Amino acid sequence: MAVVIGTSGWQYRDWRGRLYPPRLPQRLWLEHHAALFATVESNAAFYRLPEQHTFEAWRQRTPADFRWAVKASRFLTHIKRLREPEEPVARLMERATGLGERLDAVLLQLPPTLKADAGLLRECLACFPPTVRVAVEPRHDSWWTDEVRTLLERYGAALCWADRGEKPIAPLWRTADWGYLRFHTGAEGWGYPPAVLQTWADRLAATYTDDEDVLVYFNNDPGGNAVVDAVVFAEAVRRAGRTPTRVPTAEQATGLAWTGEERLPVAT
């Protein structure tokens, strides 16, 4: 099992001097991120769907082995609330084709007020090309039914596993031959204790085989916690007997590689 580890976004000002060298221009941050990680989850499309040429530029600026996950537009998930999905999905896919073969998955994060409606979800999933992997992150407890689980399995859509406050906020269903995991925030502050990350690594190793992959994204970006936790998680994955993709060194994650200064660890 390849555990593909990245962060939810890369353009965070407080990462300057940590992940990014202090004098590195912001226009080169993506290239730097892609040299240290093998994937990123782009949230840009959620707030404002980029034009196709932007996706094309992102593809050209990243290495051939770099993977992209794209968070679907909030117009589809939060405004339309999955109703009439044909046009929003078609527009997303038309533009995201700029990523070419590097588009690895689309994330549908549903609003916490959206109660379960298997019909709406079925209609939405049916709009995606069969070659596109879709992960679904419901955030209302009414979604945890056998009908929804069966629907996800039928479309090969991964139920997004998610952690908030150091505990799962969704059932740990395996609904596809690949997985998707998001880390939102620790119980005290943004960072995660190593023991919690080890528990998640062990869960992945127990659920997915060596020839299946799982996309893992750290969304706890403030203060660079996402980067530090990604490094710690990669070590946890190795201890669990699985193979992580590239992550920064501990020195790169905290900025010591660029400044040579002593710095307190990022709080967990």
C-alpha atoms as a PDB file:
ATOM      1  CA  MET A   1       0.000   0.000   0.000  1.00  0.00           C
ATOM      2  CA  ALA A   2       1.349   3.379  -0.945  1.00  0.00           C
ATOM      3  CA  VAL A   3       0.339   6.051   1.527  1.00  0.00           C
ATOM      4  CA  VAL A   4       0.330   9.284  -0.453  1.00  0.00           C
ATOM      5  CA  ILE A   5       0.908  12.104   2.030  1.00  0.00           C
ATOM      6  CA  GLY A   6       0.346  15.804   1.420  1.00  0.00           C
ATOM      7  CA  THR A   7      -1.226  18.986   2.707  1.00  0.00           C
ATOM      8  CA  SER A   8      -4.516  20.732   2.017  1.00  0.00           C
ATOM      9  CA  GLY A   9      -3.163  23.649   0.025  1.00  0.00           C
ATOM     10  CA  TRP A  10       0.293  25.177  -0.172  1.00  0.00           C
ATOM     11  CA  GLN A  11      -0.148  28.973  -0.127  1.00  0.00           C
ATOM     12  CA  TYR A  12       0.076  29.854   3.562  1.00  0.00           C
ATOM     13  CA  ARG A  13       2.007  32.931   4.574  1.00  0.00           C
ATOM     14  CA  ASP A  14       3.027  31.542   7.947  1.00  0.00           C
ATOM     15  CA  TRP A  15       4.847  28.702   6.162  1.00  0.00           C
ATOM     16  CA  ARG A  16       7.466  31.198   5.016  1.00  0.00           C
ATOM     17  CA  GLY A  17      10.570  30.504   7.062  1.00  0.00           C
ATOM     18  CA  ARG A  18       9.272  27.022   7.844  1.00  0.00           C
ATOM     19  CA  LEU A  19       8.498  24.911   4.784  1.00  0.00           C
ATOM     20  CA  TYR A  20       9.591  27.712   2.476  1.00  0.00           C
ATOM     21  CA  PRO A  21      12.990  29.405   2.666  1.00  0.00           C
ATOM     22  CA  PRO A  22      12.588  33.020   3.840  1.00  0.00           C
ATOM     23  CA  ARG A  23      13.782  34.512   0.549  1.00  0.00           C
ATOM     24  CA  LEU A  24      11.948  32.123  -1.793  1.00  0.00           C
ATOM     25  CA  PRO A  25       9.434  34.125  -3.894  1.00  0.00           C
ATOM     26  CA  GLN A  26       5.831  33.074  -3.358  1.00  0.00           C
ATOM     27  CA  ARG A  27       5.486  32.413  -7.097  1.00  0.00           C
ATOM     28  CA  LEU A  28       7.864  29.449  -6.612  1.00  0.00           C
ATOM     29  CA  TRP A  29       6.165  27.931  -3.582  1.00  0.00           C
ATOM     30  CA  LEU A  30       4.290  25.307  -5.593  1.00  0.00           C
ATOM     31  CA  GLU A  31       7.496  24.034  -7.186  1.00  0.00           C
ATOM     32  CA  HIS A  32       9.141  23.856  -3.767  1.00  0.00           C
ATOM     33  CA  HIS A  33       6.157  22.078  -2.214  1.00  0.00           C
ATOM     34  CA  ALA A  34       6.067  19.546  -5.066  1.00  0.00           C
ATOM     35  CA  ALA A  35       9.756  18.770  -4.625  1.00  0.00           C
ATOM     36  CA  LEU A  36       9.158  17.860  -0.972  1.00  0.00           C
ATOM     37  CA  PHE A  37       5.719  16.225  -1.232  1.00  0.00           C
ATOM     38  CA  ALA A  38       4.162  13.913  -3.844  1.00  0.00           C
ATOM     39  CA  THR A  39       0.649  15.355  -3.646  1.00  0.00           C
ATOM     40  CA  VAL A  40      -1.484  18.316  -2.649  1.00  0.00           C
ATOM     41  CA  GLU A  41      -5.199  18.792  -2.076  1.00  0.00           C
ATOM     42  CA  SER A  42      -6.250  21.980  -3.841  1.00  0.00           C
ATOM     43  CA  ASN A  43      -8.963  23.923  -2.031  1.00  0.00           C
ATOM     44  CA  ALA A  44      -8.955  26.732  -4.594  1.00  0.00           C
ATOM     45  CA  ALA A  45     -11.689  25.143  -6.686  1.00  0.00           C
ATOM     46  CA  PHE A  46     -13.987  25.046  -3.658  1.00  0.00           C
ATOM     47  CA  TYR A  47     -13.986  28.828  -3.290  1.00  0.00           C
ATOM     48  CA  ARG A  48     -13.526  29.839  -6.916  1.00  0.00           C
ATOM     49  CA  LEU A  49     -13.106  27.368  -9.734  1.00  0.00           C
ATOM     50  CA  PRO A  50      -9.881  28.157 -11.611  1.00  0.00           C
ATOM     51  CA  GLU A  51      -9.814  28.385 -15.370  1.00  0.00           C
ATOM     52  CA  GLN A  52      -8.441  25.453 -17.337  1.00  0.00           C
ATOM     53  CA  HIS A  53      -5.224  27.315 -18.085  1.00  0.00           C
ATOM     54  CA  THR A  54      -4.550  27.598 -14.339  1.00  0.00           C
ATOM     55  CA  PHE A  55      -4.831  23.843 -13.916  1.00  0.00           C
ATOM     56  CA  GLU A  56      -2.579  23.432 -16.951  1.00  0.00           C
ATOM     57  CA  ALA A  57       0.007  25.736 -15.391  1.00  0.00           C
ATOM     58  CA  TRP A  58      -0.090  23.752 -12.159  1.00  0.00           C
ATOM     59  CA  ARG A  59       0.564  20.562 -14.108  1.00  0.00           C
ATOM     60  CA  GLN A  60       3.495  22.119 -15.941  1.00  0.00           C
ATOM     61  CA  ARG A  61       5.014  23.416 -12.706  1.00  0.00           C
ATOM     62  CA  THR A  62       4.994  20.068 -10.893  1.00  0.00           C
ATOM     63  CA  PRO A  63       6.923  16.826 -11.492  1.00  0.00           C
ATOM     64  CA  ALA A  64       5.499  13.937 -13.485  1.00  0.00           C
ATOM     65  CA  ASP A  65       4.874  11.845 -10.360  1.00  0.00           C
ATOM     66  CA  PHE A  66       3.002  14.601  -8.527  1.00  0.00           C
ATOM     67  CA  ARG A  67      -0.668  13.913  -7.733  1.00  0.00           C
ATOM     68  CA  TRP A  68      -3.511  16.387  -7.357  1.00  0.00           C
ATOM     69  CA  ALA A  69      -6.721  16.081  -5.399  1.00  0.00           C
ATOM     70  CA  VAL A  70      -9.271  18.784  -6.174  1.00  0.00           C
ATOM     71  CA  LYS A  71     -11.975  19.855  -3.762  1.00  0.00           C
ATOM     72  CA  ALA A  72     -15.229  20.275  -5.673  1.00  0.00           C
ATOM     73  CA  SER A  73     -16.820  23.709  -5.907  1.00  0.00           C
ATOM     74  CA  ARG A  74     -19.002  24.878  -3.041  1.00  0.00           C
ATOM     75  CA  PHE A  75     -21.500  25.901  -5.731  1.00  0.00           C
ATOM     76  CA  LEU A  76     -22.148  22.182  -6.225  1.00  0.00           C
ATOM     77  CA  THR A  77     -21.939  21.041  -2.608  1.00  0.00           C
ATOM     78  CA  HIS A  78     -23.027  24.023  -0.489  1.00  0.00           C
ATOM     79  CA  ILE A  79     -25.192  26.217  -2.727  1.00  0.00           C
ATOM     80  CA  LYS A  80     -26.861  23.648  -4.988  1.00  0.00           C
ATOM     81  CA  ARG A  81     -26.508  21.048  -2.203  1.00  0.00           C
ATOM     82  CA  LEU A  82     -25.985  18.342  -4.851  1.00  0.00           C
ATOM     83  CA  ARG A  83     -29.144  19.283  -6.780  1.00  0.00           C
ATOM     84  CA  GLU A  84     -28.885  19.547 -10.584  1.00  0.00           C
ATOM     85  CA  PRO A  85     -25.253  18.406 -10.559  1.00  0.00           C
ATOM     86  CA  GLU A  86     -24.753  17.927 -14.307  1.00  0.00           C
ATOM     87  CA  GLU A  87     -23.522  21.425 -15.173  1.00  0.00           C
ATOM     88  CA  PRO A  88     -21.317  22.038 -12.092  1.00  0.00           C
ATOM     89  CA  VAL A  89     -19.653  18.631 -12.420  1.00  0.00           C
ATOM     90  CA  ALA A  90     -19.145  19.053 -16.162  1.00  0.00           C
ATOM     91  CA  ARG A  91     -17.609  22.506 -15.635  1.00  0.00           C
ATOM     92  CA  LEU A  92     -15.294  21.194 -12.921  1.00  0.00           C
ATOM     93  CA  MET A  93     -14.128  18.270 -15.015  1.00  0.00           C
ATOM     94  CA  GLU A  94     -13.686  20.382 -18.159  1.00  0.00           C
ATOM     95  CA  ARG A  95     -11.350  22.734 -16.340  1.00  0.00           C
ATOM     96  CA  ALA A  96      -9.573  20.132 -14.213  1.00  0.00           C
ATOM     97  CA  THR A  97      -8.614  18.239 -17.362  1.00  0.00           C
ATOM     98  CA  GLY A  98      -5.802  20.773 -17.461  1.00  0.00           C
ATOM     99  CA  LEU A  99      -4.105  18.589 -14.837  1.00  0.00           C
ATOM    100  CA  GLY A 100      -4.104  15.661 -17.267  1.00  0.00           C
ATOM    101  CA  GLU A 101      -3.119  12.326 -15.761  1.00  0.00           C
ATOM    102  CA  ARG A 102      -2.027  14.050 -12.546  1.00  0.00           C
ATOM    103  CA  LEU A 103      -5.619  14.557 -11.421  1.00  0.00           C
ATOM    104  CA  ASP A 104      -5.838  11.789  -8.825  1.00  0.00           C
ATOM    105  CA  ALA A 105      -9.173  12.412  -7.088  1.00  0.00           C
ATOM    106  CA  VAL A 106     -12.047  14.829  -6.544  1.00  0.00           C
ATOM    107  CA  LEU A 107     -13.266  15.501  -3.009  1.00  0.00           C
ATOM    108  CA  LEU A 108     -16.954  16.156  -2.373  1.00  0.00           C
ATOM    109  CA  GLN A 109     -17.121  17.741   1.078  1.00  0.00           C
ATOM    110  CA  LEU A 110     -20.780  18.050   2.023  1.00  0.00           C
ATOM    111  CA  PRO A 111     -22.084  20.837   4.282  1.00  0.00           C
ATOM    112  CA  PRO A 112     -22.727  19.799   7.898  1.00  0.00           C
ATOM    113  CA  THR A 113     -26.381  20.817   7.547  1.00  0.00           C
ATOM    114  CA  LEU A 114     -27.012  18.553   4.549  1.00  0.00           C
ATOM    115  CA  LYS A 115     -28.895  15.484   5.733  1.00  0.00           C
ATOM    116  CA  ALA A 116     -28.644  12.167   3.973  1.00  0.00           C
ATOM    117  CA  ASP A 117     -30.237  11.900   0.554  1.00  0.00           C
ATOM    118  CA  ALA A 118     -28.994   8.843  -1.304  1.00  0.00           C
ATOM    119  CA  GLY A 119     -30.835   9.897  -4.453  1.00  0.00           C
ATOM    120  CA  LEU A 120     -29.037  13.221  -4.659  1.00  0.00           C
ATOM    121  CA  LEU A 121     -25.668  11.607  -4.036  1.00  0.00           C
ATOM    122  CA  ARG A 122     -26.349   8.902  -6.625  1.00  0.00           C
ATOM    123  CA  GLU A 123     -27.247  11.491  -9.252  1.00  0.00           C
ATOM    124  CA  CYS A 124     -24.100  13.473  -8.481  1.00  0.00           C
ATOM    125  CA  LEU A 125     -21.725  10.504  -8.553  1.00  0.00           C
ATOM    126  CA  ALA A 126     -23.229   9.367 -11.852  1.00  0.00           C
ATOM    127  CA  CYS A 127     -22.144  12.666 -13.445  1.00  0.00           C
ATOM    128  CA  PHE A 128     -18.450  11.995 -12.944  1.00  0.00           C
ATOM    129  CA  PRO A 129     -16.520  10.102 -15.622  1.00  0.00           C
ATOM    130  CA  PRO A 130     -15.879   6.497 -14.529  1.00  0.00           C
ATOM    131  CA  THR A 131     -12.137   7.133 -14.757  1.00  0.00           C
ATOM    132  CA  VAL A 132     -12.266   9.848 -12.059  1.00  0.00           C
ATOM    133  CA  ARG A 133     -11.900   8.796  -8.446  1.00  0.00           C
ATOM    134  CA  VAL A 134     -14.310  10.569  -6.103  1.00  0.00           C
ATOM    135  CA  ALA A 135     -14.074  10.774  -2.310  1.00  0.00           C
ATOM    136  CA  VAL A 136     -17.131  11.845  -0.323  1.00  0.00           C
ATOM    137  CA  GLU A 137     -16.922  13.588   3.056  1.00  0.00           C
ATOM    138  CA  PRO A 138     -20.423  13.780   4.589  1.00  0.00           C
ATOM    139  CA  ARG A 139     -20.674  15.775   7.803  1.00  0.00           C
ATOM    140  CA  HIS A 140     -24.138  14.913   9.109  1.00  0.00           C
ATOM    141  CA  ASP A 141     -24.700  11.726  11.106  1.00  0.00           C
ATOM    142  CA  SER A 142     -27.765  10.787   9.047  1.00  0.00           C
ATOM    143  CA  TRP A 143     -25.463   9.614   6.229  1.00  0.00           C
ATOM    144  CA  TRP A 144     -24.219   6.578   8.143  1.00  0.00           C
ATOM    145  CA  THR A 145     -26.612   4.007   6.682  1.00  0.00           C
ATOM    146  CA  ASP A 146     -26.254   0.741   4.805  1.00  0.00           C
ATOM    147  CA  GLU A 147     -27.902   2.354   1.772  1.00  0.00           C
ATOM    148  CA  VAL A 148     -25.247   5.068   1.590  1.00  0.00           C
ATOM    149  CA  ARG A 149     -22.432   2.610   2.124  1.00  0.00           C
ATOM    150  CA  THR A 150     -23.721   0.381  -0.675  1.00  0.00           C
ATOM    151  CA  LEU A 151     -24.079   3.374  -2.974  1.00  0.00           C
ATOM    152  CA  LEU A 152     -20.468   4.429  -2.427  1.00  0.00           C
ATOM    153  CA  GLU A 153     -19.302   0.880  -3.057  1.00  0.00           C
ATOM    154  CA  ARG A 154     -21.325   0.684  -6.286  1.00  0.00           C
ATOM    155  CA  TYR A 155     -19.616   3.791  -7.685  1.00  0.00           C
ATOM    156  CA  GLY A 156     -16.162   2.974  -6.317  1.00  0.00           C
ATOM    157  CA  ALA A 157     -16.264   6.207  -4.316  1.00  0.00           C
ATOM    158  CA  ALA A 158     -14.156   6.355  -1.174  1.00  0.00           C
ATOM    159  CA  LEU A 159     -15.812   7.405   2.059  1.00  0.00           C
ATOM    160  CA  CYS A 160     -13.472  10.100   3.343  1.00  0.00           C
ATOM    161  CA  TRP A 161     -12.105   9.162   6.726  1.00  0.00           C
ATOM    162  CA  ALA A 162     -11.598  12.299   8.786  1.00  0.00           C
ATOM    163  CA  ASP A 163     -10.177  13.220  12.172  1.00  0.00           C
ATOM    164  CA  ARG A 164     -11.285  16.159  14.240  1.00  0.00           C
ATOM    165  CA  GLY A 165     -10.234  16.474  17.853  1.00  0.00           C
ATOM    166  CA  GLU A 166      -8.134  13.300  17.622  1.00  0.00           C
ATOM    167  CA  LYS A 167     -11.033  10.978  16.879  1.00  0.00           C
ATOM    168  CA  PRO A 168     -12.843   9.740  13.767  1.00  0.00           C
ATOM    169  CA  ILE A 169     -15.848  11.797  12.707  1.00  0.00           C
ATOM    170  CA  ALA A 170     -17.115   9.190  10.256  1.00  0.00           C
ATOM    171  CA  PRO A 171     -17.452   5.401  10.245  1.00  0.00           C
ATOM    172  CA  LEU A 172     -14.295   3.640   9.148  1.00  0.00           C
ATOM    173  CA  TRP A 173     -15.940   2.057   6.135  1.00  0.00           C
ATOM    174  CA  ARG A 174     -13.856   0.749   3.279  1.00  0.00           C
ATOM    175  CA  THR A 175     -16.000   1.491   0.221  1.00  0.00           C
ATOM    176  CA  ALA A 176     -13.415   1.327  -2.583  1.00  0.00           C
ATOM    177  CA  ASP A 177     -10.056  -0.195  -3.458  1.00  0.00           C
ATOM    178  CA  TRP A 178      -8.419   3.085  -2.453  1.00  0.00           C
ATOM    179  CA  GLY A 179      -8.781   5.398   0.517  1.00  0.00           C
ATOM    180  CA  TYR A 180      -8.866   9.054   1.482  1.00  0.00           C
ATOM    181  CA  LEU A 181      -8.038  10.477   4.925  1.00  0.00           C
ATOM    182  CA  ARG A 182      -8.120  14.098   6.147  1.00  0.00           C
ATOM    183  CA  PHE A 183      -6.715  15.520   9.396  1.00  0.00           C
ATOM    184  CA  HIS A 184      -8.471  18.679  10.568  1.00  0.00           C
ATOM    185  CA  THR A 185      -7.304  19.572  14.090  1.00  0.00           C
ATOM    186  CA  GLY A 186      -5.963  18.041  17.260  1.00  0.00           C
ATOM    187  CA  ALA A 187      -7.809  18.041  20.574  1.00  0.00           C
ATOM    188  CA  GLU A 188      -5.666  20.822  22.038  1.00  0.00           C
ATOM    189  CA  GLY A 189      -4.417  23.221  19.399  1.00  0.00           C
ATOM    190  CA  TRP A 190      -3.849  22.473  15.746  1.00  0.00           C
ATOM    191  CA  GLY A 191      -1.180  19.782  15.994  1.00  0.00           C
ATOM    192  CA  TYR A 192      -1.503  16.042  16.586  1.00  0.00           C
ATOM    193  CA  PRO A 193       0.300  13.887  19.177  1.00  0.00           C
ATOM    194  CA  PRO A 194       2.482  11.194  17.579  1.00  0.00           C
ATOM    195  CA  ALA A 195       0.455   8.437  19.267  1.00  0.00           C
ATOM    196  CA  VAL A 196      -2.721   9.565  17.472  1.00  0.00           C
ATOM    197  CA  LEU A 197      -0.948   9.609  14.119  1.00  0.00           C
ATOM    198  CA  GLN A 198       0.394   6.114  14.796  1.00  0.00           C
ATOM    199  CA  THR A 199      -3.132   4.863  15.496  1.00  0.00           C
ATOM    200  CA  TRP A 200      -4.283   6.171  12.120  1.00  0.00           C
ATOM    201  CA  ALA A 201      -1.292   4.637  10.337  1.00  0.00           C
ATOM    202  CA  ASP A 202      -2.105   1.285  11.912  1.00  0.00           C
ATOM    203  CA  ARG A 203      -5.744   1.591  10.828  1.00  0.00           C
ATOM    204  CA  LEU A 204      -4.720   2.191   7.235  1.00  0.00           C
ATOM    205  CA  ALA A 205      -2.313  -0.741   7.283  1.00  0.00           C
ATOM    206  CA  ALA A 206      -5.036  -3.021   8.638  1.00  0.00           C
ATOM    207  CA  THR A 207      -7.586  -1.917   6.016  1.00  0.00           C
ATOM    208  CA  TYR A 208      -5.700  -1.595   2.720  1.00  0.00           C
ATOM    209  CA  THR A 209      -3.340  -4.042   1.055  1.00  0.00           C
ATOM    210  CA  ASP A 210       0.146  -3.418  -0.291  1.00  0.00           C
ATOM    211  CA  ASP A 211      -1.093  -2.753  -3.842  1.00  0.00           C
ATOM    212  CA  GLU A 212      -3.815  -0.248  -2.852  1.00  0.00           C
ATOM    213  CA  ASP A 213      -3.167   3.400  -2.127  1.00  0.00           C
ATOM    214  CA  VAL A 214      -4.556   5.927   0.314  1.00  0.00           C
ATOM    215  CA  LEU A 215      -4.451   9.690  -0.106  1.00  0.00           C
ATOM    216  CA  VAL A 216      -3.773  11.489   3.182  1.00  0.00           C
ATOM    217  CA  TYR A 217      -4.026  15.256   3.617  1.00  0.00           C
ATOM    218  CA  PHE A 218      -3.286  17.465   6.599  1.00  0.00           C
ATOM    219  CA  ASN A 219      -5.692  20.393   6.795  1.00  0.00           C
ATOM    220  CA  ASN A 220      -4.293  21.785  10.081  1.00  0.00           C
ATOM    221  CA  ASP A 221      -2.191  24.375   8.292  1.00  0.00           C
ATOM    222  CA  PRO A 222      -1.851  27.187  10.914  1.00  0.00           C
ATOM    223  CA  GLY A 223       1.703  27.557  12.174  1.00  0.00           C
ATOM    224  CA  GLY A 224       2.990  24.850   9.868  1.00  0.00           C
ATOM    225  CA  ASN A 225       1.444  22.053  11.921  1.00  0.00           C
ATOM    226  CA  ALA A 226       0.288  20.268   8.754  1.00  0.00           C
ATOM    227  CA  VAL A 227       3.846  19.988   7.487  1.00  0.00           C
ATOM    228  CA  VAL A 228       5.324  18.777  10.770  1.00  0.00           C
ATOM    229  CA  ASP A 229       2.530  16.262  11.303  1.00  0.00           C
ATOM    230  CA  ALA A 230       2.978  14.937   7.763  1.00  0.00           C
ATOM    231  CA  VAL A 231       6.620  14.167   8.565  1.00  0.00           C
ATOM    232  CA  VAL A 232       5.686  12.410  11.815  1.00  0.00           C
ATOM    233  CA  PHE A 233       2.905  10.496  10.073  1.00  0.00           C
ATOM    234  CA  ALA A 234       5.275   9.218   7.394  1.00  0.00           C
ATOM    235  CA  GLU A 235       7.405   7.638  10.120  1.00  0.00           C
ATOM    236  CA  ALA A 236       4.282   6.128  11.666  1.00  0.00           C
ATOM    237  CA  VAL A 237       3.376   4.618   8.295  1.00  0.00           C
ATOM    238  CA  ARG A 238       6.815   3.006   8.057  1.00  0.00           C
ATOM    239  CA  ARG A 239       6.435   1.547  11.547  1.00  0.00           C
ATOM    240  CA  ALA A 240       3.076   0.121  10.437  1.00  0.00           C
ATOM    241  CA  GLY A 241       4.858  -1.743   7.644  1.00  0.00           C
ATOM    242  CA  ARG A 242       3.675   0.403   4.750  1.00  0.00           C
ATOM    243  CA  THR A 243       5.400   2.781   2.337  1.00  0.00           C
ATOM    244  CA  PRO A 244       4.834   6.560   2.454  1.00  0.00           C
ATOM    245  CA  THR A 245       5.526   8.917  -0.408  1.00  0.00           C
ATOM    246  CA  ARG A 246       8.134  11.633   0.005  1.00  0.00           C
ATOM    247  CA  VAL A 247       7.830  14.218   2.759  1.00  0.00           C
ATOM    248  CA  PRO A 248      10.233  16.930   3.935  1.00  0.00           C
ATOM    249  CA  THR A 249      12.940  16.218   6.458  1.00  0.00           C
ATOM    250  CA  ALA A 250      12.258  17.356  10.003  1.00  0.00           C
ATOM    251  CA  GLU A 251      14.679  20.235   9.435  1.00  0.00           C
ATOM    252  CA  GLN A 252      12.885  21.327   6.266  1.00  0.00           C
ATOM    253  CA  ALA A 253       9.477  21.066   7.935  1.00  0.00           C
ATOM    254  CA  THR A 254      10.461  23.403  10.770  1.00  0.00           C
ATOM    255  CA  GLY A 255      12.615  25.773   8.760  1.00  0.00           C
ATOM    256  CA  LEU A 256      15.907  24.816  10.412  1.00  0.00           C
ATOM    257  CA  ALA A 257      17.261  23.731   7.026  1.00  0.00           C
ATOM    258  CA  TRP A 258      16.906  27.289   5.723  1.00  0.00           C
ATOM    259  CA  THR A 259      17.793  29.444   8.712  1.00  0.00           C
ATOM    260  CA  GLY A 260      20.065  27.349  10.906  1.00  0.00           C
ATOM    261  CA  GLU A 261      18.306  28.882  13.898  1.00  0.00           C
ATOM    262  CA  GLU A 262      17.101  27.099  16.986  1.00  0.00           C
ATOM    263  CA  ARG A 263      13.358  26.927  17.023  1.00  0.00           C
ATOM    264  CA  LEU A 264      10.810  25.452  19.363  1.00  0.00           C
ATOM    265  CA  PRO A 265       8.890  22.493  17.894  1.00  0.00           C
ATOM    266  CA  VAL A 266       5.467  23.193  16.479  1.00  0.00           C
ATOM    267  CA  ALA A 267       2.988  22.669  19.282  1.00  0.00           C
ATOM    268  CA  THR A 268       1.099  19.392  19.358  1.00  0.00           C
END
